[in-house]
Amino acid sequence: MISKIPTPAKTVILANGTFPVHPVPLDRLREADLIVCCDGAAEKLVGHGYEPGIIIGDLDSVSPALQERYRSILVLDTDQETNDLTKAVNWCIDAGIREVAILGATGIREDHTLGNISLLADYGRIIDTVMMTDTGTFKVYEGSVTISSRPGQQVSLFSIDPSLKVNSSGLRYPLDGLILHSWWRGTLNEAAGDSFSLDFKGGQVLVFQQY
C-alpha cells in the first residue's frame, strides 16, 4: 500500500467513463494537486497529457507498460464487493482527504452511470463529494440547505427515499411538501436567483445543477 500522503488541497478522482471535455471539469482536472485514477482511467489520463498520483483497482485494465512506469503509485485492491470508484473514494478517506471531485463517472455505459450517481448517497455521509459531468454537477445534501446558483440555472432533485418530502424557496417552480416518490418527480426546475433553499428532514437529496 501507498503510505499516507500530506492532505492535498484539491483532489480529483477520475473514473473510467467518458473523459471530460467541458471546460469546468477540465479546469478542475488541471488544477488538481492529486489525481486518483480508477484502474483503466489511467490510460485515458496519460493519453491526454496528465500525470496520475495514484492508480487503484484490480489493475486488470492497466497496460503492462503503464504498470511498470507507475509501479510506485499502484494500489492493488481486488475486493469484488466494491467497484473501482468506491475503492478510490475509500482510499481518499483513509489518506485523510476531506473533499473530492469525481470526474469521468458517467457516459459509455448507462448502468455504470446510474450506479456511480447513486453511490453519491453513500459517499456524502463520510466525505465532501461532488460529481462533475460534461453538463453539470451532482451533489448530495442531508437536511435543510441553501445552495448557490445563478438566475435561470437548470436544477433537478432526486431522492433514493420515495417518502421524502421537500419544500423549497428560490426555484421557479416552488416545492410545497413535494414527495420525491419517483426519479422524475423533482426534475426540470430552474433557479430564480443567486441561491435557492431546500427544507427537508430525515433523508438525502441529490441535486443536479447545470453549468
Foldseek 3Di string as FASTA:
>chain_A
DAPQDPAWPAEEEEEQADAADAPVVVVSVVPHPAYEYQQLVCVVQVVVPHDHQAYEECNPNPDPVVCVVPVNRYHHDDDPVDGSVVVSLVVCVVSVHAEYEYERQDHPDHVSNVVVLVCLQVSLVRHFYWYQYNWWIKHKDAFKDKAFDAAFKFKFKAFPDQQWFKFKPQKPDTGDRQGRNDGCRRGGITGHHGIMIMGTHDGMMMMITTD
